[in-house]
Amino acid sequence: MTAKHTALALLLALALPALADTPKAADVSQGIQQQLEHHLYQLPPRVQGHYGIRLWRLTGDKQYLNSALYDLYVVSDRLEAISHGLSQPGFIEHYSQRLVKDLPNTERGRLREAAIKGRASYLFYADELLRYMSRLDELGFVHPNDTAFRQRLKSYDFKPAVTDPRMIRAYAAQLANHVWWLYQLGIVDLRQDFVAAFRATYPDSQDKQLSDQQFDNKIYGMTHIVFAASEYYQHHLDPKAYAWITDYMDSHSQQIIQRAKPDVIAEVGIVYELLGKKDSPVLAQAKVAIIKAVDSRHQVILSEKGNPDLALGEHRNVLAWMLLNWPDKLHKGPLLGKFKALREDLPMSVTPKHNKE
């Protein structure tokens, strides 16, 4: 037995008794789901969509289609506004400056403001136009101006931003999203460039020098590389292609559990599920940590300041639910145009992809 296997066996031996002493995963996840669904219609539209799309992809339950439809309407509206705006002089500049102005005055927000200086339009192209186009694509639709949008994206050089260490330190997870969306839409393949730049920015030997915020950012970047490659929980992946990520997590699991926030820990566990590594002691440890993080009174994971507000905490709580309820089969989409019950309710500003083909 190698030293690595011995260490993993020890971690598993430590994790299993801890799991036995914690509340049952089924009870905890049921409580989270009940709270989220009880408050679902009080959540902002895109948060409702975030929840419904993830529950669909894990369960295939049609009750979540309307939440996805809600998201489709919001995304379609945003692309319609962008389509009209692009004909106006200065639209991209003003739009981009508004996005910069909205960055929060936090450690992460200040990092982002400094990193984006001189390339504010990146936020428009990557975090707005590209984001909405990728979501529309995942739900099975295109905008009438799809060709013009694609030309805009192809004319913008994304590589300098996604390989810049300053950008990676400020936006690691978001850059992973952007890079894989660009690949998903056939715009440009920057996956290898980004991964190489990410690994150079965060060499494992320098972990001790990272602040907790930067350590979270590094782990977020790793988890989102896997999430983005799975098209956000639509299919499982070959573990060999991401061995560098799980090798790191295997050898740094205690550090992750001790330093990372609950949503990061949940994401680490989901990485192992997406890669089919169900027997991993790191996965078992992540489940123990997440179950312990759930507040027994509110039945959700609270914010760092103890706030139970699900409008702010849906992300960490749906991740916790996903980790504790991972299925053997994942579901694509939902491709909303294929459901007869929804056809009369689809937005008229977009076209189902199968009608175009």
Protein backbone atom coordinates (compact mmCIF):
# COMPACT_ATOMS: atom_id res chain seq x y z
CA MET A 1 0.00 0.00 0.00
CA THR A 2 1.41 3.40 -1.01
CA ALA A 3 1.71 6.31 1.39
CA LYS A 4 -1.12 8.06 -0.44
CA HIS A 5 -3.46 5.06 -0.10
CA THR A 6 -2.53 4.68 3.57
CA ALA A 7 -3.39 8.33 4.20
CA LEU A 8 -6.70 8.02 2.36
CA ALA A 9 -7.61 4.88 4.30
CA LEU A 10 -6.90 6.73 7.54
CA LEU A 11 -9.07 9.66 6.47
CA LEU A 12 -11.92 7.30 5.63
CA ALA A 13 -11.56 5.55 8.98
CA LEU A 14 -11.83 8.93 10.70
CA ALA A 15 -14.72 10.18 8.58
CA LEU A 16 -17.08 7.21 8.91
CA PRO A 17 -17.48 7.29 12.71
CA ALA A 18 -18.01 11.05 12.53
CA LEU A 19 -20.74 10.50 9.94
CA ALA A 20 -22.43 7.99 12.24
CA ASP A 21 -22.49 10.52 15.10
CA THR A 22 -24.07 13.35 13.07
CA PRO A 23 -27.75 13.83 12.13
CA LYS A 24 -28.89 11.67 9.23
CA ALA A 25 -28.07 13.12 5.82
CA ALA A 26 -31.61 12.42 4.61
CA ASP A 27 -33.16 14.40 7.47
CA VAL A 28 -30.78 17.32 7.01
CA SER A 29 -31.24 17.50 3.23
CA GLN A 30 -35.02 17.21 3.59
CA GLY A 31 -35.00 20.16 5.96
CA ILE A 32 -32.93 22.24 3.52
CA GLN A 33 -35.25 21.38 0.63
CA GLN A 34 -38.37 22.19 2.65
CA GLN A 35 -36.98 25.58 3.61
CA LEU A 36 -35.89 26.43 0.08
CA GLU A 37 -39.18 25.40 -1.48
CA HIS A 38 -41.27 27.06 1.24
CA HIS A 39 -39.51 30.35 0.45
CA LEU A 40 -39.00 29.74 -3.28
CA TYR A 41 -41.36 32.44 -4.55
CA GLN A 42 -39.82 34.98 -2.21
CA LEU A 43 -36.45 34.56 -3.92
CA PRO A 44 -35.21 36.80 -6.78
CA PRO A 45 -36.07 35.47 -10.26
CA ARG A 46 -32.59 34.25 -11.22
CA VAL A 47 -32.14 32.64 -7.80
CA GLN A 48 -35.38 30.73 -8.37
CA GLY A 49 -34.02 29.69 -11.75
CA HIS A 50 -30.68 28.65 -10.25
CA TYR A 51 -32.50 26.39 -7.80
CA GLY A 52 -34.99 24.91 -10.27
CA ILE A 53 -32.40 24.12 -12.93
CA ARG A 54 -30.16 22.32 -10.46
CA LEU A 55 -33.02 20.33 -8.96
CA TRP A 56 -34.10 19.34 -12.47
CA ARG A 57 -30.60 18.20 -13.41
CA LEU A 58 -30.36 16.00 -10.33
CA THR A 59 -33.93 14.67 -10.22
CA GLY A 60 -35.55 15.09 -13.65
CA ASP A 61 -38.70 16.13 -11.76
CA LYS A 62 -41.00 18.25 -13.94
CA GLN A 63 -42.18 20.30 -10.97
CA TYR A 64 -38.98 22.34 -11.37
CA LEU A 65 -39.58 23.29 -15.01
CA ASN A 66 -41.49 26.48 -14.19
CA SER A 67 -38.55 27.82 -12.19
CA ALA A 68 -36.33 27.15 -15.21
CA LEU A 69 -38.92 28.86 -17.42
CA TYR A 70 -38.78 31.90 -15.15
CA ASP A 71 -35.02 32.02 -15.71
CA LEU A 72 -35.54 31.71 -19.47
CA TYR A 73 -37.75 34.80 -19.42
CA VAL A 74 -35.19 36.83 -17.49
CA VAL A 75 -32.30 35.77 -19.74
CA SER A 76 -34.35 36.40 -22.89
CA ASP A 77 -35.24 39.88 -21.64
CA ARG A 78 -31.59 40.69 -20.91
CA LEU A 79 -30.47 39.57 -24.36
CA GLU A 80 -33.27 41.57 -25.96
CA ALA A 81 -32.10 44.69 -24.11
CA ILE A 82 -28.49 44.04 -25.16
CA SER A 83 -29.60 43.50 -28.76
CA HIS A 84 -31.26 46.91 -28.85
CA GLY A 85 -28.45 48.57 -26.91
CA LEU A 86 -25.70 47.46 -29.27
CA SER A 87 -27.05 49.82 -31.91
CA GLN A 88 -26.46 52.79 -29.60
CA PRO A 89 -23.09 54.59 -29.46
CA GLY A 90 -21.21 54.02 -26.21
CA PHE A 91 -23.55 51.26 -25.04
CA ILE A 92 -20.85 48.71 -24.15
CA GLU A 93 -18.71 51.31 -22.40
CA HIS A 94 -21.57 52.61 -20.25
CA TYR A 95 -22.84 49.10 -19.51
CA SER A 96 -19.35 47.98 -18.48
CA GLN A 97 -18.75 50.98 -16.24
CA ARG A 98 -22.02 50.28 -14.44
CA LEU A 99 -20.87 46.71 -13.76
CA VAL A 100 -17.58 47.99 -12.33
CA LYS A 101 -19.40 50.54 -10.18
CA ASP A 102 -21.60 47.78 -8.73
CA LEU A 103 -18.62 45.80 -7.40
CA PRO A 104 -18.87 45.56 -3.58
CA ASN A 105 -16.43 47.30 -1.25
CA THR A 106 -15.01 44.04 0.12
CA GLU A 107 -11.61 42.35 -0.12
CA ARG A 108 -12.83 40.39 -3.12
CA GLY A 109 -14.57 43.40 -4.65
CA ARG A 110 -11.44 45.53 -4.39
CA LEU A 111 -9.35 42.75 -5.95
CA ARG A 112 -11.80 42.61 -8.83
CA GLU A 113 -11.88 46.35 -9.35
CA ALA A 114 -8.08 46.44 -9.54
CA ALA A 115 -7.89 43.43 -11.86
CA ILE A 116 -10.52 44.70 -14.26
CA LYS A 117 -8.97 48.17 -14.56
CA GLY A 118 -8.33 48.91 -18.22
CA ARG A 119 -10.51 46.02 -19.44
CA ALA A 120 -13.96 46.84 -18.06
CA SER A 121 -15.59 45.69 -21.31
CA TYR A 122 -14.57 42.14 -20.37
CA LEU A 123 -17.39 42.17 -17.83
CA PHE A 124 -19.91 43.01 -20.53
CA TYR A 125 -18.71 40.36 -22.98
CA ALA A 126 -18.03 37.55 -20.50
CA ASP A 127 -20.32 38.10 -17.54
CA GLU A 128 -23.32 39.42 -19.43
CA LEU A 129 -23.54 38.59 -23.14
CA LEU A 130 -21.71 35.26 -22.90
CA ARG A 131 -23.44 34.26 -19.66
CA TYR A 132 -26.92 34.83 -21.05
CA MET A 133 -26.15 33.16 -24.38
CA SER A 134 -24.82 30.06 -22.64
CA ARG A 135 -27.91 29.78 -20.42
CA LEU A 136 -30.18 30.21 -23.43
CA ASP A 137 -28.22 27.46 -25.18
CA GLU A 138 -28.50 25.11 -22.17
CA LEU A 139 -32.28 25.56 -22.14
CA GLY A 140 -32.48 24.84 -25.87
CA PHE A 141 -32.99 28.29 -27.42
CA VAL A 142 -31.26 30.96 -29.48
CA HIS A 143 -31.88 34.68 -29.77
CA PRO A 144 -32.79 36.06 -33.24
CA ASN A 145 -29.54 38.06 -33.14
CA ASP A 146 -27.48 34.97 -32.27
CA THR A 147 -25.22 35.34 -35.32
CA ALA A 148 -24.44 38.97 -34.53
CA PHE A 149 -23.84 38.12 -30.87
CA ARG A 150 -21.41 35.39 -31.86
CA GLN A 151 -19.54 37.76 -34.15
CA ARG A 152 -19.20 40.18 -31.23
CA LEU A 153 -17.78 37.45 -29.00
CA LYS A 154 -15.40 36.20 -31.68
CA SER A 155 -14.08 39.71 -32.26
CA TYR A 156 -13.16 40.12 -28.57
CA ASP A 157 -9.83 38.68 -27.43
CA PHE A 158 -10.60 36.81 -24.19
CA LYS A 159 -7.18 35.18 -23.78
CA PRO A 160 -5.30 38.08 -22.11
CA ALA A 161 -7.93 38.33 -19.37
CA VAL A 162 -8.43 34.63 -18.64
CA THR A 163 -4.67 34.02 -18.38
CA ASP A 164 -3.83 37.13 -16.32
CA PRO A 165 -2.78 36.17 -12.74
CA ARG A 166 -4.49 39.31 -11.39
CA MET A 167 -7.77 38.26 -12.97
CA ILE A 168 -7.37 34.68 -11.75
CA ARG A 169 -6.76 35.86 -8.19
CA ALA A 170 -9.92 37.97 -8.41
CA TYR A 171 -12.22 35.81 -10.54
CA ALA A 172 -10.96 32.20 -10.63
CA ALA A 173 -14.36 30.48 -10.61
CA GLN A 174 -15.94 33.02 -12.94
CA LEU A 175 -13.09 32.71 -15.46
CA ALA A 176 -13.55 28.93 -15.47
CA ASN A 177 -17.22 29.52 -16.27
CA HIS A 178 -16.36 31.94 -19.06
CA VAL A 179 -13.73 29.69 -20.62
CA TRP A 180 -16.02 26.67 -20.78
CA TRP A 181 -18.98 28.75 -22.01
CA LEU A 182 -16.80 30.00 -24.85
CA TYR A 183 -16.01 26.38 -25.69
CA GLN A 184 -19.66 25.32 -25.29
CA LEU A 185 -20.79 27.94 -27.81
CA GLY A 186 -17.95 27.22 -30.24
CA ILE A 187 -16.43 30.68 -29.92
CA VAL A 188 -12.85 29.75 -28.92
CA ASP A 189 -11.14 27.00 -26.93
CA LEU A 190 -9.03 28.52 -24.15
CA ARG A 191 -9.35 25.63 -21.69
CA GLN A 192 -5.71 24.55 -21.70
CA ASP A 193 -4.47 28.14 -21.62
CA PHE A 194 -6.63 28.92 -18.61
CA VAL A 195 -5.72 25.76 -16.67
CA ALA A 196 -2.01 26.37 -17.25
CA ALA A 197 -2.31 29.98 -16.10
CA PHE A 198 -4.41 28.97 -13.09
CA ARG A 199 -1.88 26.37 -11.94
CA ALA A 200 0.98 28.85 -12.40
CA THR A 201 -0.90 31.47 -10.37
CA TYR A 202 -1.64 29.06 -7.52
CA PRO A 203 1.31 26.66 -7.14
CA ASP A 204 0.61 24.18 -4.36
CA SER A 205 3.88 25.02 -2.64
CA GLN A 206 2.58 28.52 -1.84
CA ASP A 207 -0.70 27.55 -0.12
CA LYS A 208 0.55 28.67 3.29
CA GLN A 209 1.07 32.18 1.94
CA LEU A 210 -2.56 32.50 0.83
CA SER A 211 -5.13 34.40 2.85
CA ASP A 212 -8.35 32.50 3.60
CA GLN A 213 -10.04 34.51 0.85
CA GLN A 214 -7.37 33.53 -1.67
CA PHE A 215 -7.40 29.91 -0.52
CA ASP A 216 -11.17 29.83 -1.11
CA ASN A 217 -10.62 31.43 -4.52
CA LYS A 218 -8.13 28.71 -5.46
CA ILE A 219 -10.47 25.89 -4.44
CA TYR A 220 -13.41 27.64 -6.13
CA GLY A 221 -11.38 27.76 -9.32
CA MET A 222 -10.67 24.03 -9.14
CA THR A 223 -14.28 23.06 -8.43
CA HIS A 224 -15.60 25.27 -11.21
CA ILE A 225 -13.24 23.76 -13.76
CA VAL A 226 -14.96 20.44 -13.06
CA PHE A 227 -18.45 21.94 -12.83
CA ALA A 228 -18.03 23.84 -16.09
CA ALA A 229 -16.69 20.75 -17.86
CA SER A 230 -19.82 18.85 -16.75
CA GLU A 231 -21.93 21.70 -18.20
CA TYR A 232 -23.08 22.30 -14.65
CA TYR A 233 -24.18 18.87 -13.50
CA GLN A 234 -25.53 17.64 -16.84
CA HIS A 235 -23.14 14.68 -17.15
CA HIS A 236 -20.41 12.85 -15.26
CA LEU A 237 -16.74 13.13 -16.26
CA ASP A 238 -13.67 10.96 -16.76
CA PRO A 239 -11.72 11.21 -13.48
CA LYS A 240 -8.37 10.81 -15.25
CA ALA A 241 -8.76 14.18 -16.96
CA TYR A 242 -9.06 15.94 -13.59
CA ALA A 243 -6.68 13.83 -11.51
CA TRP A 244 -4.53 16.88 -10.79
CA ILE A 245 -7.51 18.41 -8.97
CA THR A 246 -8.50 15.36 -6.93
CA ASP A 247 -4.85 14.56 -6.16
CA TYR A 248 -4.57 18.03 -4.64
CA MET A 249 -7.84 17.68 -2.73
CA ASP A 250 -6.84 14.23 -1.45
CA SER A 251 -3.62 15.55 0.02
CA HIS A 252 -5.10 18.83 1.33
CA SER A 253 -8.49 17.65 2.58
CA GLN A 254 -7.87 18.59 6.22
CA GLN A 255 -6.75 22.06 5.20
CA ILE A 256 -9.85 22.47 3.03
CA ILE A 257 -12.20 21.36 5.82
CA GLN A 258 -10.51 23.67 8.32
CA ARG A 259 -10.08 26.78 6.15
CA ALA A 260 -12.82 26.77 3.52
CA LYS A 261 -16.39 28.03 3.78
CA PRO A 262 -19.28 25.51 3.72
CA ASP A 263 -20.19 26.20 0.10
CA VAL A 264 -16.59 25.50 -0.96
CA ILE A 265 -16.57 22.27 1.04
CA ALA A 266 -19.85 21.20 -0.59
CA GLU A 267 -18.39 21.94 -4.02
CA VAL A 268 -15.34 19.80 -3.24
CA GLY A 269 -17.63 16.89 -2.39
CA ILE A 270 -19.63 17.39 -5.60
CA VAL A 271 -16.39 17.25 -7.61
CA TYR A 272 -15.89 13.68 -6.37
CA GLU A 273 -19.48 12.81 -7.29
CA LEU A 274 -19.10 14.20 -10.82
CA LEU A 275 -15.93 12.17 -11.24
CA GLY A 276 -17.54 8.97 -9.96
CA LYS A 277 -15.28 8.73 -6.91
CA LYS A 278 -18.05 7.77 -4.50
CA ASP A 279 -15.77 5.84 -2.14
CA SER A 280 -13.43 8.78 -1.57
CA PRO A 281 -12.80 9.65 2.09
CA VAL A 282 -12.71 13.30 1.03
CA LEU A 283 -16.33 12.96 -0.12
CA ALA A 284 -17.26 11.38 3.22
CA GLN A 285 -15.49 14.18 5.09
CA ALA A 286 -17.26 16.84 3.04
CA LYS A 287 -20.65 15.31 3.87
CA VAL A 288 -19.83 15.26 7.58
CA ALA A 289 -18.74 18.90 7.48
CA ILE A 290 -21.85 20.02 5.59
CA ILE A 291 -24.25 18.17 7.88
CA LYS A 292 -22.57 19.80 10.88
CA ALA A 293 -22.77 23.23 9.22
CA VAL A 294 -26.58 23.14 9.00
CA ASP A 295 -28.26 25.19 11.73
CA SER A 296 -30.75 22.94 13.54
CA ARG A 297 -33.20 25.76 14.24
CA HIS A 298 -33.40 27.24 10.74
CA GLN A 299 -32.60 23.95 8.92
CA VAL A 300 -30.24 25.76 6.54
CA ILE A 301 -26.59 26.79 6.46
CA LEU A 302 -26.43 30.34 7.77
CA SER A 303 -24.17 33.08 6.48
CA GLU A 304 -20.88 33.78 8.26
CA LYS A 305 -22.77 36.47 10.21
CA GLY A 306 -25.58 34.07 11.15
CA ASN A 307 -28.12 35.31 8.59
CA PRO A 308 -30.69 32.67 7.46
CA ASP A 309 -31.94 34.78 4.49
CA LEU A 310 -32.26 32.36 1.56
CA ALA A 311 -32.25 35.16 -1.01
CA LEU A 312 -28.57 35.46 -0.06
CA GLY A 313 -27.96 31.85 0.98
CA GLU A 314 -29.65 29.77 -1.73
CA HIS A 315 -26.32 28.99 -3.38
CA ARG A 316 -24.64 27.35 -0.40
CA ASN A 317 -27.81 25.52 0.60
CA VAL A 318 -28.65 24.07 -2.79
CA LEU A 319 -25.03 22.89 -3.00
CA ALA A 320 -25.45 21.19 0.37
CA TRP A 321 -28.66 19.53 -0.82
CA MET A 322 -26.96 18.37 -4.02
CA LEU A 323 -24.04 16.87 -2.13
CA LEU A 324 -26.35 14.90 0.16
CA ASN A 325 -28.67 13.72 -2.65
CA TRP A 326 -26.35 12.94 -5.55
CA PRO A 327 -28.03 10.58 -8.07
CA ASP A 328 -26.58 7.96 -10.39
CA LYS A 329 -28.18 9.66 -13.41
CA LEU A 330 -28.02 13.35 -14.34
CA HIS A 331 -30.50 15.13 -16.62
CA LYS A 332 -29.74 17.46 -19.51
CA GLY A 333 -31.25 20.90 -19.86
CA PRO A 334 -34.09 21.21 -19.22
CA LEU A 335 -34.76 21.72 -22.93
CA LEU A 336 -37.95 23.65 -22.29
CA GLY A 337 -39.19 23.68 -25.89
CA LYS A 338 -39.66 19.90 -25.80
CA PHE A 339 -42.32 19.96 -23.08
CA LYS A 340 -45.82 20.28 -24.55
CA ALA A 341 -47.23 21.74 -21.34
CA LEU A 342 -44.89 24.73 -21.65
CA ARG A 343 -45.13 25.51 -25.36
CA GLU A 344 -47.84 28.14 -25.03
CA ASP A 345 -45.88 29.90 -22.30
CA LEU A 346 -42.46 30.25 -23.93
CA PRO A 347 -41.07 33.76 -24.54
CA MET A 348 -41.64 34.96 -28.09
CA SER A 349 -38.30 36.77 -28.25
CA VAL A 350 -36.29 33.54 -28.61
CA THR A 351 -36.43 30.47 -30.87
CA PRO A 352 -36.10 26.79 -29.91
CA LYS A 353 -32.86 25.44 -31.36
CA HIS A 354 -34.52 22.41 -32.94
CA ASN A 355 -36.78 24.75 -34.97
CA LYS A 356 -33.72 26.50 -36.38
CA GLU A 357 -31.87 23.33 -37.32
